[in-house]
N, C-alpha and C. Protein backbone atom coordinates (compact mmCIF):
# COMPACT_ATOMS: atom_id res chain seq x y z
N MET A 1 88.75 3.52 219.47
CA MET A 1 89.11 3.62 218.07
C MET A 1 90.37 2.80 217.80
N ASP A 2 90.44 2.18 216.66
CA ASP A 2 91.57 1.35 216.27
C ASP A 2 92.83 2.19 216.07
N GLN A 3 93.90 1.90 216.80
CA GLN A 3 95.14 2.67 216.76
C GLN A 3 95.93 2.46 215.46
N THR A 4 95.65 1.42 214.70
CA THR A 4 96.41 1.17 213.47
C THR A 4 96.25 2.29 212.45
N HIS A 5 95.16 3.04 212.54
CA HIS A 5 94.95 4.16 211.61
C HIS A 5 95.92 5.30 211.87
N PHE A 6 96.49 5.34 213.07
CA PHE A 6 97.37 6.43 213.45
C PHE A 6 98.85 6.02 213.46
N SER A 7 99.13 4.78 213.16
CA SER A 7 100.51 4.33 213.21
C SER A 7 101.31 4.90 212.03
N LYS A 8 102.55 5.22 212.30
CA LYS A 8 103.44 5.77 211.29
C LYS A 8 103.94 4.65 210.40
N LYS A 9 104.10 4.95 209.12
CA LYS A 9 104.67 3.98 208.19
C LYS A 9 106.03 4.46 207.74
N TYR A 10 106.85 3.50 207.37
CA TYR A 10 108.17 3.77 206.82
C TYR A 10 108.24 3.10 205.45
N TYR A 11 108.99 3.69 204.56
CA TYR A 11 109.04 3.19 203.19
C TYR A 11 110.48 3.02 202.73
N ILE A 12 110.69 1.97 201.93
CA ILE A 12 111.91 1.90 201.14
C ILE A 12 111.49 2.20 199.72
N TYR A 13 112.40 2.79 198.97
CA TYR A 13 112.06 3.16 197.60
C TYR A 13 113.28 3.06 196.72
N VAL A 14 113.03 2.81 195.45
CA VAL A 14 114.08 2.79 194.43
C VAL A 14 113.68 3.81 193.38
N LEU A 15 114.58 4.75 193.13
CA LEU A 15 114.38 5.74 192.08
C LEU A 15 115.29 5.41 190.92
N ARG A 16 114.84 5.73 189.71
CA ARG A 16 115.69 5.58 188.53
C ARG A 16 115.72 6.92 187.82
N SER A 17 116.94 7.36 187.51
CA SER A 17 117.12 8.63 186.81
C SER A 17 116.60 8.51 185.38
N LEU A 18 115.82 9.47 184.96
CA LEU A 18 115.34 9.50 183.58
C LEU A 18 116.42 10.03 182.64
N VAL A 19 117.50 10.55 183.19
CA VAL A 19 118.60 11.09 182.39
C VAL A 19 119.61 10.02 182.04
N ASP A 20 120.12 9.33 183.07
CA ASP A 20 121.21 8.37 182.81
C ASP A 20 120.94 6.96 183.33
N LYS A 21 119.71 6.70 183.76
CA LYS A 21 119.25 5.37 184.20
C LYS A 21 119.95 4.87 185.46
N THR A 22 120.60 5.74 186.24
CA THR A 22 121.19 5.31 187.50
C THR A 22 120.08 5.14 188.53
N TYR A 23 120.36 4.31 189.53
CA TYR A 23 119.39 4.03 190.58
C TYR A 23 119.81 4.68 191.89
N TYR A 24 118.81 4.95 192.72
CA TYR A 24 119.04 5.42 194.07
C TYR A 24 118.08 4.68 194.99
N VAL A 25 118.58 4.18 196.10
CA VAL A 25 117.77 3.44 197.07
C VAL A 25 117.77 4.23 198.38
N GLY A 26 116.60 4.37 198.98
CA GLY A 26 116.52 5.06 200.25
C GLY A 26 115.34 4.59 201.08
N TYR A 27 115.25 5.14 202.30
CA TYR A 27 114.08 4.88 203.14
C TYR A 27 113.64 6.20 203.77
N THR A 28 112.37 6.28 204.12
CA THR A 28 111.81 7.51 204.65
C THR A 28 110.49 7.22 205.36
N SER A 29 110.03 8.19 206.13
CA SER A 29 108.69 8.08 206.73
C SER A 29 107.67 8.90 205.93
N ASN A 30 108.15 9.67 204.95
CA ASN A 30 107.25 10.48 204.12
C ASN A 30 107.72 10.37 202.67
N ILE A 31 107.23 9.38 201.97
CA ILE A 31 107.74 9.07 200.63
C ILE A 31 107.45 10.19 199.61
N ASN A 32 106.28 10.79 199.69
CA ASN A 32 105.95 11.84 198.71
C ASN A 32 106.88 13.05 198.86
N ARG A 33 107.09 13.48 200.10
CA ARG A 33 107.98 14.61 200.35
C ARG A 33 109.41 14.28 199.90
N ARG A 34 109.86 13.09 200.24
CA ARG A 34 111.24 12.70 199.94
C ARG A 34 111.50 12.66 198.43
N ILE A 35 110.59 12.14 197.66
CA ILE A 35 110.77 12.06 196.21
C ILE A 35 110.76 13.45 195.59
N LYS A 36 109.89 14.33 196.10
CA LYS A 36 109.90 15.72 195.62
C LYS A 36 111.25 16.37 195.91
N GLU A 37 111.81 16.11 197.10
CA GLU A 37 113.12 16.66 197.44
C GLU A 37 114.20 16.16 196.48
N HIS A 38 114.17 14.88 196.17
CA HIS A 38 115.15 14.33 195.22
C HIS A 38 115.02 15.02 193.87
N ASN A 39 113.81 15.17 193.39
CA ASN A 39 113.60 15.77 192.07
C ASN A 39 113.84 17.28 192.03
N LYS A 40 113.92 17.91 193.19
CA LYS A 40 114.26 19.34 193.25
C LYS A 40 115.76 19.54 193.46
N GLY A 41 116.52 18.44 193.52
CA GLY A 41 117.97 18.55 193.68
C GLY A 41 118.43 18.88 195.08
N LYS A 42 117.65 18.51 196.08
CA LYS A 42 117.98 18.86 197.46
C LYS A 42 118.90 17.85 198.15
N HIS A 43 119.28 16.80 197.45
CA HIS A 43 120.15 15.79 198.05
C HIS A 43 121.39 15.59 197.19
N LYS A 44 122.52 15.58 197.84
CA LYS A 44 123.82 15.60 197.17
C LYS A 44 123.96 14.51 196.09
N TYR A 45 123.71 13.27 196.44
CA TYR A 45 123.95 12.18 195.49
C TYR A 45 123.03 12.25 194.28
N THR A 46 121.77 12.56 194.50
CA THR A 46 120.80 12.52 193.41
C THR A 46 120.73 13.81 192.60
N LYS A 47 121.32 14.87 193.12
CA LYS A 47 121.22 16.19 192.49
C LYS A 47 121.64 16.21 191.02
N GLY A 48 122.69 15.50 190.68
CA GLY A 48 123.20 15.51 189.30
C GLY A 48 122.52 14.56 188.34
N HIS A 49 121.45 13.89 188.80
CA HIS A 49 120.81 12.86 187.97
C HIS A 49 119.32 13.09 187.76
N ILE A 50 118.80 14.25 188.18
CA ILE A 50 117.35 14.50 188.10
C ILE A 50 116.91 14.73 186.65
N PRO A 51 115.67 14.38 186.34
CA PRO A 51 114.59 13.91 187.20
C PRO A 51 114.63 12.39 187.41
N TYR A 52 113.88 11.96 188.44
CA TYR A 52 113.76 10.55 188.81
C TYR A 52 112.33 10.08 188.70
N GLU A 53 112.19 8.77 188.52
CA GLU A 53 110.89 8.13 188.62
C GLU A 53 111.01 7.04 189.69
N VAL A 54 109.91 6.77 190.37
CA VAL A 54 109.88 5.70 191.36
C VAL A 54 109.64 4.40 190.62
N VAL A 55 110.53 3.43 190.80
CA VAL A 55 110.34 2.14 190.14
C VAL A 55 110.00 1.03 191.14
N TYR A 56 110.14 1.33 192.43
CA TYR A 56 109.78 0.34 193.46
C TYR A 56 109.62 1.05 194.79
N SER A 57 108.61 0.64 195.55
CA SER A 57 108.47 1.10 196.92
C SER A 57 107.75 0.02 197.72
N GLU A 58 108.01 0.04 199.02
CA GLU A 58 107.40 -0.94 199.91
C GLU A 58 107.24 -0.27 201.27
N SER A 59 106.13 -0.53 201.96
CA SER A 59 105.90 0.09 203.25
C SER A 59 106.12 -0.90 204.39
N PHE A 60 106.49 -0.33 205.55
CA PHE A 60 106.75 -1.10 206.76
C PHE A 60 106.14 -0.38 207.95
N LYS A 61 105.78 -1.12 208.97
CA LYS A 61 105.26 -0.52 210.19
C LYS A 61 106.39 -0.15 211.15
N ILE A 62 107.53 -0.80 211.00
CA ILE A 62 108.64 -0.61 211.92
C ILE A 62 109.84 -0.03 211.17
N LYS A 63 110.40 1.06 211.70
CA LYS A 63 111.52 1.75 211.06
C LYS A 63 112.70 0.81 210.83
N LYS A 64 113.01 -0.02 211.80
CA LYS A 64 114.13 -0.96 211.69
C LYS A 64 113.96 -1.88 210.47
N ASP A 65 112.73 -2.31 210.21
CA ASP A 65 112.48 -3.18 209.06
C ASP A 65 112.72 -2.44 207.75
N ALA A 66 112.35 -1.16 207.70
CA ALA A 66 112.60 -0.37 206.49
C ALA A 66 114.10 -0.19 206.27
N LYS A 67 114.85 0.10 207.33
CA LYS A 67 116.30 0.27 207.23
C LYS A 67 116.96 -1.03 206.76
N GLU A 68 116.50 -2.15 207.29
CA GLU A 68 117.04 -3.45 206.87
C GLU A 68 116.68 -3.74 205.42
N GLY A 69 115.48 -3.37 205.00
CA GLY A 69 115.07 -3.55 203.60
C GLY A 69 115.93 -2.72 202.66
N GLU A 70 116.22 -1.49 203.06
CA GLU A 70 117.11 -0.63 202.27
C GLU A 70 118.49 -1.26 202.16
N SER A 71 119.03 -1.74 203.26
CA SER A 71 120.35 -2.37 203.26
C SER A 71 120.37 -3.61 202.37
N TYR A 72 119.30 -4.40 202.44
CA TYR A 72 119.22 -5.60 201.60
C TYR A 72 119.28 -5.24 200.12
N ILE A 73 118.51 -4.24 199.73
CA ILE A 73 118.50 -3.85 198.31
C ILE A 73 119.89 -3.36 197.90
N LYS A 74 120.53 -2.58 198.74
CA LYS A 74 121.86 -2.06 198.41
C LYS A 74 122.88 -3.18 198.31
N ARG A 75 122.72 -4.22 199.11
CA ARG A 75 123.65 -5.36 199.06
C ARG A 75 123.35 -6.31 197.90
N TYR A 76 122.15 -6.25 197.37
CA TYR A 76 121.70 -7.20 196.35
C TYR A 76 122.66 -7.26 195.16
N GLY A 77 123.20 -6.11 194.79
CA GLY A 77 124.25 -6.08 193.77
C GLY A 77 123.80 -5.81 192.35
N ASN A 78 122.70 -6.37 191.93
CA ASN A 78 122.25 -6.20 190.55
C ASN A 78 120.83 -5.63 190.59
N MET A 79 120.73 -4.31 190.46
CA MET A 79 119.44 -3.65 190.61
C MET A 79 118.43 -4.11 189.56
N THR A 80 118.86 -4.30 188.33
CA THR A 80 117.93 -4.72 187.27
C THR A 80 117.33 -6.08 187.61
N ARG A 81 118.15 -7.01 188.06
CA ARG A 81 117.64 -8.34 188.42
C ARG A 81 116.71 -8.24 189.63
N PHE A 82 117.08 -7.44 190.62
CA PHE A 82 116.23 -7.25 191.79
C PHE A 82 114.85 -6.73 191.36
N LEU A 83 114.84 -5.72 190.52
CA LEU A 83 113.57 -5.13 190.09
C LEU A 83 112.75 -6.08 189.24
N LYS A 84 113.38 -6.86 188.40
CA LYS A 84 112.64 -7.81 187.55
C LYS A 84 111.87 -8.81 188.40
N ASN A 85 112.38 -9.09 189.60
CA ASN A 85 111.70 -10.02 190.50
C ASN A 85 110.57 -9.37 191.27
N ARG A 86 110.42 -8.04 191.17
CA ARG A 86 109.46 -7.34 192.02
C ARG A 86 108.52 -6.36 191.33
N VAL A 87 108.83 -5.92 190.12
CA VAL A 87 107.99 -4.93 189.46
C VAL A 87 107.64 -5.36 188.04
N PRO A 88 106.61 -4.75 187.47
CA PRO A 88 106.23 -5.07 186.09
C PRO A 88 107.39 -4.81 185.12
N PRO A 89 107.51 -5.60 184.07
CA PRO A 89 108.63 -5.48 183.13
C PRO A 89 108.83 -4.08 182.55
N SER A 90 107.79 -3.32 182.31
CA SER A 90 107.95 -1.99 181.73
C SER A 90 108.69 -1.04 182.67
N LYS A 91 108.61 -1.24 183.98
CA LYS A 91 109.30 -0.40 184.95
C LYS A 91 110.72 -0.87 185.21
N ALA A 92 111.00 -2.15 184.99
CA ALA A 92 112.31 -2.71 185.33
C ALA A 92 113.32 -2.61 184.19
N ARG A 93 112.87 -2.25 183.00
CA ARG A 93 113.77 -2.17 181.84
C ARG A 93 114.80 -1.08 181.99
N ASP A 94 115.95 -1.31 181.41
CA ASP A 94 116.99 -0.26 181.35
C ASP A 94 116.82 0.58 180.13
């Protein structure tokens, strides 16, 4: 049987607060669980900005690549410009 069906994936994601339009960037191996945790206020930084919507996500086969992708996005500096280059205009708007 092909082992690729059993390989773990890692994700980077960008959330945008529906309250104050702030962004949060993270990485995880379980994106659905992680976003639910953010929206339930289980994480210190995002707790005061809920609810969130996912405006960008990307999957990786290697954890190191996901961590590097997260670091790249955080270093990018201008989240709106970053998103405009990667997502449909309706999701990238402020």
